[in-house]
Amino acid sequence: MHYNLQMKTATLPSVRVKPELRAEIQSLLSDNESVSQFVETSVRESVRRRRNQHEFIARGIVSLESAKRTDDYVDADVVIGNLERKLAFAKANSAQSKR
C-alpha cells in the first residue's frame, strides 16, 4: 500500500466585493501575482495577527492573575514615566545620529 502524506488543499468561500475594490486590489498586485494569491496572503496575515492577539491576551491574563496572587503591581504612572524617558532618550539619540 502507498499513502500520500500530503494533505489535499481546500478552498475558501467566494467573497463578493464591489467592482471598485476589486479594481483597487488589481492595481496593487505585484508582478505575476493573482487576486487569489493576494487573498490567500491577506487571509494568512489576518490569521497570524489574530493568533498573536489571542496569545497576547492570554499572557496578559496570566500576568494579571499572578499579580493578584502575589500582590505585586507596578503603578501605571511609574510605567508611563519609564516609557516617556525611554522615548525621550530614543528621540535624542535619533536626532544626534542625523547630524
N, C-alpha and C. Protein backbone atom coordinates (compact mmCIF):
# COMPACT_ATOMS: atom_id res chain seq x y z
N MET A 1 0.82 -1.19 0.00
CA MET A 1 0.00 0.00 0.00
C MET A 1 0.86 1.25 0.00
N HIS A 2 0.41 2.27 -0.71
CA HIS A 2 1.15 3.54 -0.79
C HIS A 2 0.25 4.65 -0.27
N TYR A 3 0.74 5.42 0.68
CA TYR A 3 -0.03 6.52 1.25
C TYR A 3 0.54 7.85 0.80
N ASN A 4 -0.34 8.76 0.47
CA ASN A 4 0.07 10.10 0.12
C ASN A 4 0.08 10.93 1.40
N LEU A 5 1.24 11.41 1.81
CA LEU A 5 1.36 12.13 3.07
C LEU A 5 0.96 13.60 2.95
N GLN A 6 0.76 14.08 1.73
CA GLN A 6 0.37 15.47 1.55
C GLN A 6 -1.14 15.60 1.75
N MET A 7 -1.51 16.71 2.41
CA MET A 7 -2.92 16.96 2.61
C MET A 7 -3.52 17.57 1.35
N LYS A 8 -4.76 17.30 1.11
CA LYS A 8 -5.44 17.93 -0.01
C LYS A 8 -5.66 19.40 0.32
N THR A 9 -5.69 20.21 -0.72
CA THR A 9 -5.96 21.63 -0.50
C THR A 9 -7.46 21.85 -0.37
N ALA A 10 -7.82 22.94 0.23
CA ALA A 10 -9.22 23.30 0.38
C ALA A 10 -9.42 24.71 -0.17
N THR A 11 -10.64 25.05 -0.47
CA THR A 11 -10.93 26.39 -0.96
C THR A 11 -11.66 27.18 0.11
N LEU A 12 -11.50 28.48 0.04
CA LEU A 12 -12.25 29.39 0.91
C LEU A 12 -13.49 29.83 0.16
N PRO A 13 -14.50 30.25 0.89
CA PRO A 13 -15.72 30.72 0.23
C PRO A 13 -15.42 31.94 -0.66
N SER A 14 -16.16 32.06 -1.73
CA SER A 14 -16.05 33.24 -2.58
C SER A 14 -16.55 34.45 -1.81
N VAL A 15 -15.93 35.57 -2.07
CA VAL A 15 -16.31 36.79 -1.39
C VAL A 15 -16.74 37.81 -2.44
N ARG A 16 -17.94 38.31 -2.31
CA ARG A 16 -18.42 39.33 -3.23
C ARG A 16 -17.94 40.69 -2.76
N VAL A 17 -17.37 41.44 -3.69
CA VAL A 17 -16.88 42.78 -3.39
C VAL A 17 -17.35 43.72 -4.49
N LYS A 18 -17.35 44.99 -4.17
CA LYS A 18 -17.73 45.99 -5.16
C LYS A 18 -16.65 46.05 -6.23
N PRO A 19 -17.03 46.36 -7.45
CA PRO A 19 -16.06 46.43 -8.54
C PRO A 19 -14.90 47.39 -8.25
N GLU A 20 -15.19 48.45 -7.50
CA GLU A 20 -14.13 49.42 -7.18
C GLU A 20 -13.04 48.78 -6.32
N LEU A 21 -13.45 47.95 -5.36
CA LEU A 21 -12.46 47.28 -4.50
C LEU A 21 -11.63 46.30 -5.31
N ARG A 22 -12.29 45.53 -6.16
CA ARG A 22 -11.55 44.58 -7.00
C ARG A 22 -10.55 45.32 -7.89
N ALA A 23 -10.97 46.43 -8.47
CA ALA A 23 -10.07 47.22 -9.32
C ALA A 23 -8.88 47.74 -8.53
N GLU A 24 -9.14 48.19 -7.28
CA GLU A 24 -8.05 48.67 -6.45
C GLU A 24 -7.07 47.55 -6.11
N ILE A 25 -7.62 46.39 -5.78
CA ILE A 25 -6.76 45.23 -5.50
C ILE A 25 -5.90 44.91 -6.71
N GLN A 26 -6.52 44.86 -7.87
CA GLN A 26 -5.77 44.54 -9.08
C GLN A 26 -4.70 45.57 -9.38
N SER A 27 -4.97 46.82 -9.04
CA SER A 27 -3.97 47.87 -9.29
C SER A 27 -2.77 47.75 -8.35
N LEU A 28 -2.95 47.04 -7.24
CA LEU A 28 -1.89 46.91 -6.24
C LEU A 28 -1.12 45.59 -6.31
N LEU A 29 -1.51 44.72 -7.21
CA LEU A 29 -0.86 43.41 -7.29
C LEU A 29 0.60 43.55 -7.72
N SER A 30 1.43 42.69 -7.17
CA SER A 30 2.83 42.63 -7.58
C SER A 30 2.91 41.94 -8.94
N ASP A 31 4.07 42.03 -9.57
CA ASP A 31 4.26 41.33 -10.84
C ASP A 31 3.98 39.85 -10.66
N ASN A 32 3.25 39.28 -11.58
CA ASN A 32 2.92 37.85 -11.58
C ASN A 32 2.11 37.41 -10.37
N GLU A 33 1.46 38.33 -9.67
CA GLU A 33 0.61 37.98 -8.53
C GLU A 33 -0.85 37.99 -8.98
N SER A 34 -1.58 36.98 -8.59
CA SER A 34 -3.00 36.91 -8.93
C SER A 34 -3.84 37.43 -7.77
N VAL A 35 -5.10 37.71 -8.06
CA VAL A 35 -6.02 38.12 -7.00
C VAL A 35 -6.13 37.00 -5.96
N SER A 36 -6.16 35.76 -6.42
CA SER A 36 -6.23 34.62 -5.49
C SER A 36 -5.03 34.59 -4.55
N GLN A 37 -3.85 34.84 -5.09
CA GLN A 37 -2.65 34.86 -4.25
C GLN A 37 -2.72 36.01 -3.25
N PHE A 38 -3.21 37.15 -3.71
CA PHE A 38 -3.36 38.30 -2.82
C PHE A 38 -4.32 37.98 -1.68
N VAL A 39 -5.45 37.35 -2.01
CA VAL A 39 -6.44 37.00 -0.99
C VAL A 39 -5.84 35.99 -0.01
N GLU A 40 -5.14 34.99 -0.52
CA GLU A 40 -4.54 33.99 0.37
C GLU A 40 -3.54 34.63 1.32
N THR A 41 -2.70 35.51 0.79
CA THR A 41 -1.72 36.20 1.63
C THR A 41 -2.43 37.04 2.69
N SER A 42 -3.49 37.73 2.29
CA SER A 42 -4.24 38.56 3.24
C SER A 42 -4.86 37.72 4.34
N VAL A 43 -5.41 36.57 3.98
CA VAL A 43 -6.02 35.68 4.97
C VAL A 43 -4.95 35.16 5.93
N ARG A 44 -3.81 34.72 5.38
CA ARG A 44 -2.71 34.22 6.23
C ARG A 44 -2.26 35.28 7.23
N GLU A 45 -2.10 36.52 6.75
CA GLU A 45 -1.66 37.60 7.63
C GLU A 45 -2.70 37.90 8.70
N SER A 46 -3.96 37.85 8.33
CA SER A 46 -5.04 38.08 9.30
C SER A 46 -5.07 36.98 10.35
N VAL A 47 -4.88 35.74 9.93
CA VAL A 47 -4.85 34.61 10.87
C VAL A 47 -3.67 34.79 11.84
N ARG A 48 -2.51 35.14 11.31
CA ARG A 48 -1.32 35.35 12.15
C ARG A 48 -1.56 36.47 13.15
N ARG A 49 -2.15 37.57 12.69
CA ARG A 49 -2.42 38.72 13.56
C ARG A 49 -3.40 38.33 14.67
N ARG A 50 -4.45 37.61 14.32
CA ARG A 50 -5.43 37.19 15.34
C ARG A 50 -4.83 36.21 16.33
N ARG A 51 -3.99 35.28 15.84
CA ARG A 51 -3.33 34.34 16.74
C ARG A 51 -2.45 35.11 17.72
N ASN A 52 -1.70 36.08 17.21
CA ASN A 52 -0.85 36.90 18.08
C ASN A 52 -1.66 37.67 19.10
N GLN A 53 -2.82 38.19 18.68
CA GLN A 53 -3.69 38.91 19.62
C GLN A 53 -4.19 37.98 20.72
N HIS A 54 -4.62 36.78 20.35
CA HIS A 54 -5.11 35.83 21.34
C HIS A 54 -4.00 35.44 22.32
N GLU A 55 -2.80 35.20 21.79
CA GLU A 55 -1.67 34.84 22.66
C GLU A 55 -1.31 35.99 23.59
N PHE A 56 -1.36 37.22 23.06
CA PHE A 56 -1.06 38.40 23.88
C PHE A 56 -2.05 38.52 25.02
N ILE A 57 -3.33 38.35 24.71
CA ILE A 57 -4.37 38.45 25.74
C ILE A 57 -4.20 37.34 26.78
N ALA A 58 -3.89 36.14 26.31
CA ALA A 58 -3.69 35.02 27.24
C ALA A 58 -2.52 35.31 28.18
N ARG A 59 -1.41 35.86 27.65
CA ARG A 59 -0.27 36.21 28.50
C ARG A 59 -0.66 37.30 29.50
N GLY A 60 -1.46 38.26 29.05
CA GLY A 60 -1.90 39.33 29.93
C GLY A 60 -2.76 38.82 31.07
N ILE A 61 -3.64 37.87 30.76
CA ILE A 61 -4.50 37.29 31.80
C ILE A 61 -3.66 36.53 32.82
N VAL A 62 -2.69 35.76 32.35
CA VAL A 62 -1.80 35.03 33.26
C VAL A 62 -1.03 36.02 34.14
N SER A 63 -0.55 37.10 33.54
CA SER A 63 0.20 38.11 34.30
C SER A 63 -0.69 38.78 35.34
N LEU A 64 -1.92 39.09 34.95
CA LEU A 64 -2.86 39.71 35.89
C LEU A 64 -3.15 38.78 37.06
N GLU A 65 -3.40 37.51 36.76
CA GLU A 65 -3.67 36.54 37.83
C GLU A 65 -2.47 36.41 38.76
N SER A 66 -1.27 36.43 38.19
CA SER A 66 -0.06 36.35 39.00
C SER A 66 0.07 37.58 39.89
N ALA A 67 -0.20 38.75 39.32
CA ALA A 67 -0.11 39.99 40.11
C ALA A 67 -1.12 39.99 41.25
N LYS A 68 -2.32 39.51 40.98
CA LYS A 68 -3.34 39.44 42.04
C LYS A 68 -2.92 38.47 43.13
N ARG A 69 -2.36 37.32 42.70
CA ARG A 69 -1.98 36.29 43.66
C ARG A 69 -0.82 36.75 44.54
N THR A 70 0.14 37.47 43.95
CA THR A 70 1.34 37.87 44.70
C THR A 70 1.24 39.30 45.23
N ASP A 71 0.18 40.00 44.82
CA ASP A 71 0.00 41.41 45.19
C ASP A 71 1.22 42.23 44.75
N ASP A 72 1.75 41.91 43.58
CA ASP A 72 2.95 42.57 43.05
C ASP A 72 2.55 43.37 41.81
N TYR A 73 2.25 44.65 42.03
CA TYR A 73 1.83 45.53 40.95
C TYR A 73 2.85 46.64 40.76
N VAL A 74 2.86 47.23 39.56
CA VAL A 74 3.64 48.43 39.31
C VAL A 74 2.64 49.52 38.96
N ASP A 75 2.74 50.64 39.62
CA ASP A 75 1.81 51.74 39.41
C ASP A 75 1.89 52.22 37.95
N ALA A 76 0.75 52.50 37.36
CA ALA A 76 0.69 52.92 35.95
C ALA A 76 1.52 54.17 35.69
N ASP A 77 1.51 55.12 36.64
CA ASP A 77 2.29 56.34 36.46
C ASP A 77 3.79 56.05 36.38
N VAL A 78 4.25 55.05 37.12
CA VAL A 78 5.66 54.66 37.07
C VAL A 78 5.98 54.07 35.70
N VAL A 79 5.12 53.21 35.19
CA VAL A 79 5.33 52.58 33.88
C VAL A 79 5.35 53.64 32.79
N ILE A 80 4.37 54.55 32.82
CA ILE A 80 4.30 55.60 31.80
C ILE A 80 5.52 56.52 31.89
N GLY A 81 5.94 56.85 33.10
CA GLY A 81 7.14 57.67 33.26
C GLY A 81 8.37 57.00 32.67
N ASN A 82 8.53 55.71 32.93
CA ASN A 82 9.67 54.97 32.36
C ASN A 82 9.61 54.96 30.83
N LEU A 83 8.42 54.75 30.28
CA LEU A 83 8.28 54.74 28.83
C LEU A 83 8.57 56.11 28.23
N GLU A 84 8.13 57.18 28.90
CA GLU A 84 8.39 58.53 28.40
C GLU A 84 9.88 58.84 28.42
N ARG A 85 10.58 58.39 29.44
CA ARG A 85 12.04 58.59 29.50
C ARG A 85 12.73 57.83 28.37
N LYS A 86 12.30 56.59 28.13
CA LYS A 86 12.88 55.80 27.04
C LYS A 86 12.64 56.46 25.69
N LEU A 87 11.43 56.99 25.50
CA LEU A 87 11.11 57.65 24.25
C LEU A 87 11.95 58.91 24.06
N ALA A 88 12.10 59.70 25.12
CA ALA A 88 12.91 60.91 25.04
C ALA A 88 14.36 60.56 24.71
N PHE A 89 14.87 59.50 25.33
CA PHE A 89 16.24 59.05 25.07
C PHE A 89 16.39 58.62 23.61
N ALA A 90 15.42 57.85 23.10
CA ALA A 90 15.47 57.38 21.71
C ALA A 90 15.41 58.55 20.74
N LYS A 91 14.56 59.53 21.04
CA LYS A 91 14.45 60.70 20.16
C LYS A 91 15.75 61.49 20.16
N ALA A 92 16.36 61.63 21.32
CA ALA A 92 17.63 62.38 21.41
C ALA A 92 18.72 61.66 20.62
N ASN A 93 18.78 60.35 20.75
CA ASN A 93 19.78 59.57 20.01
C ASN A 93 19.53 59.64 18.51
N SER A 94 18.27 59.63 18.11
CA SER A 94 17.92 59.70 16.71
C SER A 94 18.32 61.05 16.13
N ALA A 95 18.07 62.11 16.89
CA ALA A 95 18.43 63.45 16.43
C ALA A 95 19.94 63.60 16.29
N GLN A 96 20.70 63.02 17.21
CA GLN A 96 22.16 63.11 17.16
C GLN A 96 22.72 62.31 15.99
N SER A 97 22.12 61.16 15.68
CA SER A 97 22.63 60.35 14.58
C SER A 97 22.34 60.95 13.22
N LYS A 98 21.38 61.88 13.14
CA LYS A 98 21.04 62.52 11.87
C LYS A 98 21.96 63.68 11.56
N ARG A 99 22.72 64.09 12.55
CA ARG A 99 23.63 65.25 12.36
C ARG A 99 24.86 64.87 11.63
